[in-house]
PDB file of all heavy atoms in Angstrom:
ATOM      1  N   ARG A   1       0.814  -1.196  -0.049  1.00  0.00           N
ATOM      2  CA  ARG A   1      -0.039   0.010   0.031  1.00  0.00           C
ATOM      3  C   ARG A   1       0.894   1.265   0.009  1.00  0.00           C
ATOM      4  O   ARG A   1       0.320   2.330   0.034  1.00  0.00           O
ATOM      5  CB  ARG A   1      -0.920   0.043   1.278  1.00  0.00           C
ATOM      6  CG  ARG A   1      -1.944  -1.079   1.172  1.00  0.00           C
ATOM      7  CD  ARG A   1      -3.011  -0.812   2.250  1.00  0.00           C
ATOM      8  NE  ARG A   1      -2.407  -0.690   3.648  1.00  0.00           N
ATOM      9  CZ  ARG A   1      -2.392  -1.618   4.577  1.00  0.00           C
ATOM     10  NH1 ARG A   1      -2.873  -2.822   4.424  1.00  0.00           N
ATOM     11  NH2 ARG A   1      -1.801  -1.373   5.756  1.00  0.00           N
ATOM     12  N   GLY A   2       2.202   1.084  -0.047  1.00  0.00           N
ATOM     13  CA  GLY A   2       3.031   2.221  -0.046  1.00  0.00           C
ATOM     14  C   GLY A   2       3.648   2.636   1.328  1.00  0.00           C
ATOM     15  O   GLY A   2       4.371   3.673   1.389  1.00  0.00           O
ATOM     16  N   GLU A   3       3.276   1.952   2.389  1.00  0.00           N
ATOM     17  CA  GLU A   3       3.778   2.342   3.721  1.00  0.00           C
ATOM     18  C   GLU A   3       5.213   1.845   3.814  1.00  0.00           C
ATOM     19  O   GLU A   3       5.578   0.799   3.237  1.00  0.00           O
ATOM     20  CB  GLU A   3       2.946   1.715   4.755  1.00  0.00           C
ATOM     21  CG  GLU A   3       1.481   2.307   4.839  1.00  0.00           C
ATOM     22  CD  GLU A   3       0.618   1.614   5.923  1.00  0.00           C
ATOM     23  OE1 GLU A   3       1.223   1.349   7.000  1.00  0.00           O
ATOM     24  OE2 GLU A   3      -0.507   1.477   5.697  1.00  0.00           O
ATOM     25  N   ILE A   4       6.065   2.562   4.561  1.00  0.00           N
ATOM     26  CA  ILE A   4       7.402   2.167   4.736  1.00  0.00           C
ATOM     27  C   ILE A   4       7.611   1.388   6.096  1.00  0.00           C
ATOM     28  O   ILE A   4       7.129   1.979   7.112  1.00  0.00           O
ATOM     29  CB  ILE A   4       8.347   3.386   4.752  1.00  0.00           C
ATOM     30  CG1 ILE A   4       8.282   4.009   3.391  1.00  0.00           C
ATOM     31  CG2 ILE A   4       9.812   3.063   5.069  1.00  0.00           C
ATOM     32  CD1 ILE A   4       8.980   5.333   3.291  1.00  0.00           C
ATOM     33  N   ALA A   5       8.161   0.259   6.054  1.00  0.00           N
ATOM     34  CA  ALA A   5       8.456  -0.493   7.303  1.00  0.00           C
ATOM     35  C   ALA A   5       9.899  -0.363   7.688  1.00  0.00           C
ATOM     36  O   ALA A   5      10.765  -0.762   6.899  1.00  0.00           O
ATOM     37  CB  ALA A   5       8.051  -1.938   7.100  1.00  0.00           C
ATOM     38  N   THR A   6      10.178   0.249   8.808  1.00  0.00           N
ATOM     39  CA  THR A   6      11.533   0.334   9.246  1.00  0.00           C
ATOM     40  C   THR A   6      11.914  -0.811  10.240  1.00  0.00           C
ATOM     41  O   THR A   6      10.980  -1.461  10.751  1.00  0.00           O
ATOM     42  CB  THR A   6      11.793   1.649  10.038  1.00  0.00           C
ATOM     43  OG1 THR A   6      10.952   1.651  11.163  1.00  0.00           O
ATOM     44  CG2 THR A   6      11.434   2.884   9.104  1.00  0.00           C
ATOM     45  N   VAL A   7      13.117  -1.115  10.342  1.00  0.00           N
ATOM     46  CA  VAL A   7      13.565  -2.164  11.231  1.00  0.00           C
ATOM     47  C   VAL A   7      13.154  -1.821  12.702  1.00  0.00           C
ATOM     48  O   VAL A   7      12.734  -2.717  13.380  1.00  0.00           O
ATOM     49  CB  VAL A   7      15.069  -2.316  11.162  1.00  0.00           C
ATOM     50  CG1 VAL A   7      15.578  -3.323  12.236  1.00  0.00           C
ATOM     51  CG2 VAL A   7      15.474  -2.899   9.823  1.00  0.00           C
ATOM     52  N   ALA A   8      13.252  -0.528  13.026  1.00  0.00           N
ATOM     53  CA  ALA A   8      12.811  -0.153  14.408  1.00  0.00           C
ATOM     54  C   ALA A   8      11.294  -0.474  14.655  1.00  0.00           C
ATOM     55  O   ALA A   8      10.993  -1.002  15.672  1.00  0.00           O
ATOM     56  CB  ALA A   8      12.984   1.348  14.507  1.00  0.00           C
ATOM     57  N   LYS A   9      10.420  -0.197  13.653  1.00  0.00           N
ATOM     58  CA  LYS A   9       9.017  -0.516  13.853  1.00  0.00           C
ATOM     59  C   LYS A   9       8.836  -1.991  13.841  1.00  0.00           C
ATOM     60  O   LYS A   9       7.981  -2.504  14.614  1.00  0.00           O
ATOM     61  CB  LYS A   9       8.236   0.085  12.661  1.00  0.00           C
ATOM     62  CG  LYS A   9       6.768  -0.160  12.690  1.00  0.00           C
ATOM     63  CD  LYS A   9       6.047   0.330  13.957  1.00  0.00           C
ATOM     64  CE  LYS A   9       4.512   0.087  13.876  1.00  0.00           C
ATOM     65  NZ  LYS A   9       4.006  -0.013  15.143  1.00  0.00           N
ATOM     66  N   ILE A  10       9.461  -2.763  12.971  1.00  0.00           N
ATOM     67  CA  ILE A  10       9.319  -4.220  12.949  1.00  0.00           C
ATOM     68  C   ILE A  10       9.779  -4.753  14.331  1.00  0.00           C
ATOM     69  O   ILE A  10       9.202  -5.600  14.904  1.00  0.00           O
ATOM     70  CB  ILE A  10      10.109  -4.850  11.819  1.00  0.00           C
ATOM     71  CG1 ILE A  10       9.505  -4.372  10.456  1.00  0.00           C
ATOM     72  CG2 ILE A  10      10.068  -6.403  11.923  1.00  0.00           C
ATOM     73  CD1 ILE A  10      10.330  -4.705   9.249  1.00  0.00           C
ATOM     74  N   LYS A  11      10.871  -4.320  14.791  1.00  0.00           N
ATOM     75  CA  LYS A  11      11.407  -4.787  16.101  1.00  0.00           C
ATOM     76  C   LYS A  11      10.446  -4.405  17.251  1.00  0.00           C
ATOM     77  O   LYS A  11      10.128  -5.247  18.060  1.00  0.00           O
ATOM     78  CB  LYS A  11      12.774  -4.033  16.432  1.00  0.00           C
ATOM     79  CG  LYS A  11      13.458  -4.463  17.725  1.00  0.00           C
ATOM     80  CD  LYS A  11      14.760  -3.780  17.870  1.00  0.00           C
ATOM     81  CE  LYS A  11      15.552  -4.163  19.141  1.00  0.00           C
ATOM     82  NZ  LYS A  11      14.934  -3.691  20.334  1.00  0.00           N
ATOM     83  N   GLU A  12       9.841  -3.296  17.249  1.00  0.00           N
ATOM     84  CA  GLU A  12       8.900  -2.902  18.299  1.00  0.00           C
ATOM     85  C   GLU A  12       7.667  -3.797  18.250  1.00  0.00           C
ATOM     86  O   GLU A  12       7.311  -4.315  19.277  1.00  0.00           O
ATOM     87  CB  GLU A  12       8.408  -1.413  18.022  1.00  0.00           C
ATOM     88  CG  GLU A  12       7.407  -0.959  18.957  1.00  0.00           C
ATOM     89  CD  GLU A  12       6.993   0.455  18.610  1.00  0.00           C
ATOM     90  OE1 GLU A  12       7.751   1.267  18.138  1.00  0.00           O
ATOM     91  OE2 GLU A  12       5.693   0.739  18.689  1.00  0.00           O
ATOM     92  N   ASP A  13       7.176  -4.082  17.110  1.00  0.00           N
ATOM     93  CA  ASP A  13       5.963  -4.972  16.899  1.00  0.00           C
ATOM     94  C   ASP A  13       6.393  -6.448  17.284  1.00  0.00           C
ATOM     95  O   ASP A  13       5.559  -7.138  17.940  1.00  0.00           O
ATOM     96  CB  ASP A  13       5.380  -4.972  15.496  1.00  0.00           C
ATOM     97  CG  ASP A  13       4.719  -3.640  15.230  1.00  0.00           C
ATOM     98  OD1 ASP A  13       4.633  -2.699  16.202  1.00  0.00           O
ATOM     99  OD2 ASP A  13       4.305  -3.431  14.109  1.00  0.00           O
ATOM    100  N   TYR A  14       7.550  -6.889  16.917  1.00  0.00           N
ATOM    101  CA  TYR A  14       8.020  -8.205  17.239  1.00  0.00           C
ATOM    102  C   TYR A  14       8.094  -8.334  18.751  1.00  0.00           C
ATOM    103  O   TYR A  14       7.676  -9.416  19.272  1.00  0.00           O
ATOM    104  CB  TYR A  14       9.348  -8.505  16.559  1.00  0.00           C
ATOM    105  CG  TYR A  14       9.781  -9.838  16.602  1.00  0.00           C
ATOM    106  CD1 TYR A  14       9.360 -10.796  15.666  1.00  0.00           C
ATOM    107  CD2 TYR A  14      10.768 -10.236  17.492  1.00  0.00           C
ATOM    108  CE1 TYR A  14       9.711 -12.142  15.748  1.00  0.00           C
ATOM    109  CE2 TYR A  14      11.187 -11.612  17.577  1.00  0.00           C
ATOM    110  CZ  TYR A  14      10.731 -12.533  16.691  1.00  0.00           C
ATOM    111  OH  TYR A  14      11.086 -13.853  16.774  1.00  0.00           O
ATOM    112  N   GLU A  15       8.709  -7.368  19.422  1.00  0.00           N
ATOM    113  CA  GLU A  15       8.820  -7.402  20.864  1.00  0.00           C
ATOM    114  C   GLU A  15       7.465  -7.462  21.605  1.00  0.00           C
ATOM    115  O   GLU A  15       7.372  -8.241  22.562  1.00  0.00           O
ATOM    116  CB  GLU A  15       9.671  -6.288  21.389  1.00  0.00           C
ATOM    117  CG  GLU A  15      11.100  -6.374  20.998  1.00  0.00           C
ATOM    118  CD  GLU A  15      11.958  -5.175  21.425  1.00  0.00           C
ATOM    119  OE1 GLU A  15      11.354  -4.062  21.587  1.00  0.00           O
ATOM    120  OE2 GLU A  15      13.169  -5.291  21.466  1.00  0.00           O
ATOM    121  N   LYS A  16       6.524  -6.774  21.028  1.00  0.00           N
ATOM    122  CA  LYS A  16       5.150  -6.845  21.586  1.00  0.00           C
ATOM    123  C   LYS A  16       4.601  -8.228  21.429  1.00  0.00           C
ATOM    124  O   LYS A  16       3.930  -8.784  22.328  1.00  0.00           O
ATOM    125  CB  LYS A  16       4.245  -5.843  20.961  1.00  0.00           C
ATOM    126  CG  LYS A  16       4.448  -4.463  21.307  1.00  0.00           C
ATOM    127  CD  LYS A  16       3.491  -3.478  20.621  1.00  0.00           C
ATOM    128  CE  LYS A  16       3.939  -2.001  20.862  1.00  0.00           C
ATOM    129  NZ  LYS A  16       3.084  -1.118  20.126  1.00  0.00           N
ATOM    130  N   LEU A  17       4.846  -8.821  20.262  1.00  0.00           N
ATOM    131  CA  LEU A  17       4.301 -10.170  19.981  1.00  0.00           C
ATOM    132  C   LEU A  17       4.924 -11.233  20.872  1.00  0.00           C
ATOM    133  O   LEU A  17       4.278 -12.116  21.405  1.00  0.00           O
ATOM    134  CB  LEU A  17       4.554 -10.544  18.559  1.00  0.00           C
ATOM    135  CG  LEU A  17       4.034 -11.830  18.066  1.00  0.00           C
ATOM    136  CD1 LEU A  17       2.558 -11.884  18.150  1.00  0.00           C
ATOM    137  CD2 LEU A  17       4.451 -12.123  16.547  1.00  0.00           C
ATOM    138  N   VAL A  18       6.212 -11.223  21.053  1.00  0.00           N
ATOM    139  CA  VAL A  18       6.942 -12.279  21.893  1.00  0.00           C
ATOM    140  C   VAL A  18       6.952 -11.952  23.337  1.00  0.00           C
ATOM    141  O   VAL A  18       7.314 -12.832  24.127  1.00  0.00           O
ATOM    142  CB  VAL A  18       8.317 -12.612  21.322  1.00  0.00           C
ATOM    143  CG1 VAL A  18       8.258 -13.112  19.884  1.00  0.00           C
ATOM    144  CG2 VAL A  18       9.278 -11.419  21.469  1.00  0.00           C
ATOM    145  N   GLY A  19       6.620 -10.679  23.678  1.00  0.00           N
ATOM    146  CA  GLY A  19       6.573 -10.374  25.140  1.00  0.00           C
ATOM    147  C   GLY A  19       7.891 -10.099  25.775  1.00  0.00           C
ATOM    148  O   GLY A  19       7.992 -10.245  27.028  1.00  0.00           O
ATOM    149  N   GLN A  20       8.960  -9.825  25.035  1.00  0.00           N
ATOM    150  CA  GLN A  20      10.216  -9.494  25.621  1.00  0.00           C
ATOM    151  C   GLN A  20      11.047  -8.807  24.572  1.00  0.00           C
ATOM    152  O   GLN A  20      10.802  -8.730  23.391  1.00  0.00           O
ATOM    153  CB  GLN A  20      10.986 -10.713  26.085  1.00  0.00           C
ATOM    154  CG  GLN A  20      11.385 -11.711  25.001  1.00  0.00           C
ATOM    155  CD  GLN A  20      11.970 -13.040  25.540  1.00  0.00           C
ATOM    156  OE1 GLN A  20      11.469 -13.561  26.511  1.00  0.00           O
ATOM    157  NE2 GLN A  20      12.982 -13.453  24.965  1.00  0.00           N
ATOM    158  N   THR A  21      12.150  -8.102  25.106  1.00  0.00           N
ATOM    159  CA  THR A  21      13.047  -7.419  24.149  1.00  0.00           C
ATOM    160  C   THR A  21      13.912  -8.373  23.441  1.00  0.00           C
ATOM    161  O   THR A  21      14.302  -9.363  23.987  1.00  0.00           O
ATOM    162  CB  THR A  21      13.867  -6.342  24.903  1.00  0.00           C
ATOM    163  OG1 THR A  21      14.710  -7.065  25.915  1.00  0.00           O
ATOM    164  CG2 THR A  21      13.043  -5.331  25.649  1.00  0.00           C
ATOM    165  N   VAL A  22      14.265  -7.937  22.191  1.00  0.00           N
ATOM    166  CA  VAL A  22      15.187  -8.761  21.403  1.00  0.00           C
ATOM    167  C   VAL A  22      16.167  -7.813  20.806  1.00  0.00           C
ATOM    168  O   VAL A  22      16.002  -6.669  20.660  1.00  0.00           O
ATOM    169  CB  VAL A  22      14.363  -9.524  20.270  1.00  0.00           C
ATOM    170  CG1 VAL A  22      13.421 -10.521  20.819  1.00  0.00           C
ATOM    171  CG2 VAL A  22      13.701  -8.585  19.317  1.00  0.00           C
ATOM    172  N   HIS A  23      17.370  -8.427  20.487  1.00  0.00           N
ATOM    173  CA  HIS A  23      18.422  -7.664  19.830  1.00  0.00           C
ATOM    174  C   HIS A  23      18.041  -7.381  18.411  1.00  0.00           C
ATOM    175  O   HIS A  23      17.324  -8.104  17.741  1.00  0.00           O
ATOM    176  CB  HIS A  23      19.790  -8.441  19.931  1.00  0.00           C
ATOM    177  CG  HIS A  23      20.975  -7.518  19.682  1.00  0.00           C
ATOM    178  ND1 HIS A  23      21.384  -7.397  18.394  1.00  0.00           N
ATOM    179  CD2 HIS A  23      21.735  -6.807  20.448  1.00  0.00           C
ATOM    180  CE1 HIS A  23      22.448  -6.538  18.407  1.00  0.00           C
ATOM    181  NE2 HIS A  23      22.677  -6.199  19.718  1.00  0.00           N
ATOM    182  N   LYS A  24      18.550  -6.280  17.830  1.00  0.00           N
ATOM    183  CA  LYS A  24      18.128  -5.856  16.553  1.00  0.00           C
ATOM    184  C   LYS A  24      18.647  -6.928  15.540  1.00  0.00           C
ATOM    185  O   LYS A  24      18.042  -7.079  14.432  1.00  0.00           O
ATOM    186  CB  LYS A  24      18.722  -4.563  16.155  1.00  0.00           C
ATOM    187  CG  LYS A  24      20.229  -4.428  16.120  1.00  0.00           C
ATOM    188  CD  LYS A  24      20.750  -3.105  15.797  1.00  0.00           C
ATOM    189  CE  LYS A  24      22.291  -2.957  15.866  1.00  0.00           C
ATOM    190  NZ  LYS A  24      22.779  -1.654  15.585  1.00  0.00           N
ATOM    191  N   THR A  25      19.709  -7.722  15.779  1.00  0.00           N
ATOM    192  CA  THR A  25      20.195  -8.703  14.852  1.00  0.00           C
ATOM    193  C   THR A  25      19.148  -9.828  14.722  1.00  0.00           C
ATOM    194  O   THR A  25      19.083 -10.481  13.696  1.00  0.00           O
ATOM    195  CB  THR A  25      21.543  -9.381  15.257  1.00  0.00           C
ATOM    196  OG1 THR A  25      21.387  -9.826  16.584  1.00  0.00           O
ATOM    197  CG2 THR A  25      22.604  -8.279  15.287  1.00  0.00           C
ATOM    198  N   THR A  26      18.295 -10.004  15.750  1.00  0.00           N
ATOM    199  CA  THR A  26      17.148 -10.948  15.610  1.00  0.00           C
ATOM    200  C   THR A  26      16.224 -10.580  14.433  1.00  0.00           C
ATOM    201  O   THR A  26      15.852 -11.414  13.640  1.00  0.00           O
ATOM    202  CB  THR A  26      16.389 -10.964  16.904  1.00  0.00           C
ATOM    203  OG1 THR A  26      17.301 -11.456  18.006  1.00  0.00           O
ATOM    204  CG2 THR A  26      15.254 -12.052  16.852  1.00  0.00           C
ATOM    205  N   ILE A  27      16.040  -9.275  14.322  1.00  0.00           N
ATOM    206  CA  ILE A  27      15.048  -8.781  13.350  1.00  0.00           C
ATOM    207  C   ILE A  27      15.807  -8.920  11.908  1.00  0.00           C
ATOM    208  O   ILE A  27      15.195  -9.331  10.978  1.00  0.00           O
ATOM    209  CB  ILE A  27      14.709  -7.394  13.641  1.00  0.00           C
ATOM    210  CG1 ILE A  27      14.016  -7.274  14.970  1.00  0.00           C
ATOM    211  CG2 ILE A  27      13.771  -6.839  12.497  1.00  0.00           C
ATOM    212  CD1 ILE A  27      12.851  -8.153  15.193  1.00  0.00           C
ATOM    213  N   TYR A  28      17.078  -8.600  11.936  1.00  0.00           N
ATOM    214  CA  TYR A  28      17.806  -8.706  10.595  1.00  0.00           C
ATOM    215  C   TYR A  28      17.837 -10.163  10.159  1.00  0.00           C
ATOM    216  O   TYR A  28      17.670 -10.415   8.903  1.00  0.00           O
ATOM    217  CB  TYR A  28      19.213  -8.167  10.750  1.00  0.00           C
ATOM    218  CG  TYR A  28      19.217  -6.674  10.746  1.00  0.00           C
ATOM    219  CD1 TYR A  28      19.599  -5.889  11.844  1.00  0.00           C
ATOM    220  CD2 TYR A  28      18.834  -5.913   9.614  1.00  0.00           C
ATOM    221  CE1 TYR A  28      19.612  -4.566  11.934  1.00  0.00           C
ATOM    222  CE2 TYR A  28      18.932  -4.521   9.649  1.00  0.00           C
ATOM    223  CZ  TYR A  28      19.256  -3.826  10.710  1.00  0.00           C
ATOM    224  OH  TYR A  28      19.236  -2.497  10.796  1.00  0.00           O
ATOM    225  N   ARG A  29      17.981 -11.120  11.075  1.00  0.00           N
ATOM    226  CA  ARG A  29      17.998 -12.577  10.643  1.00  0.00           C
ATOM    227  C   ARG A  29      16.628 -12.913  10.177  1.00  0.00           C
ATOM    228  O   ARG A  29      16.402 -13.711   9.299  1.00  0.00           O
ATOM    229  CB  ARG A  29      18.495 -13.408  11.842  1.00  0.00           C
ATOM    230  CG  ARG A  29      19.973 -13.348  12.004  1.00  0.00           C
ATOM    231  CD  ARG A  29      20.420 -14.473  12.944  1.00  0.00           C
ATOM    232  NE  ARG A  29      19.761 -14.408  14.243  1.00  0.00           N
ATOM    233  CZ  ARG A  29      20.195 -13.813  15.291  1.00  0.00           C
ATOM    234  NH1 ARG A  29      21.351 -13.114  15.180  1.00  0.00           N
ATOM    235  NH2 ARG A  29      19.549 -13.806  16.449  1.00  0.00           N
TER     236      ARG A  29
END
């Protein structure tokens, strides 16, 4: 739809989903 997804936003949503903080390399992998 043209929205931009940043790693920071993906990381934020991922952490909410798993219920804990993760390192940024987790998102890159």
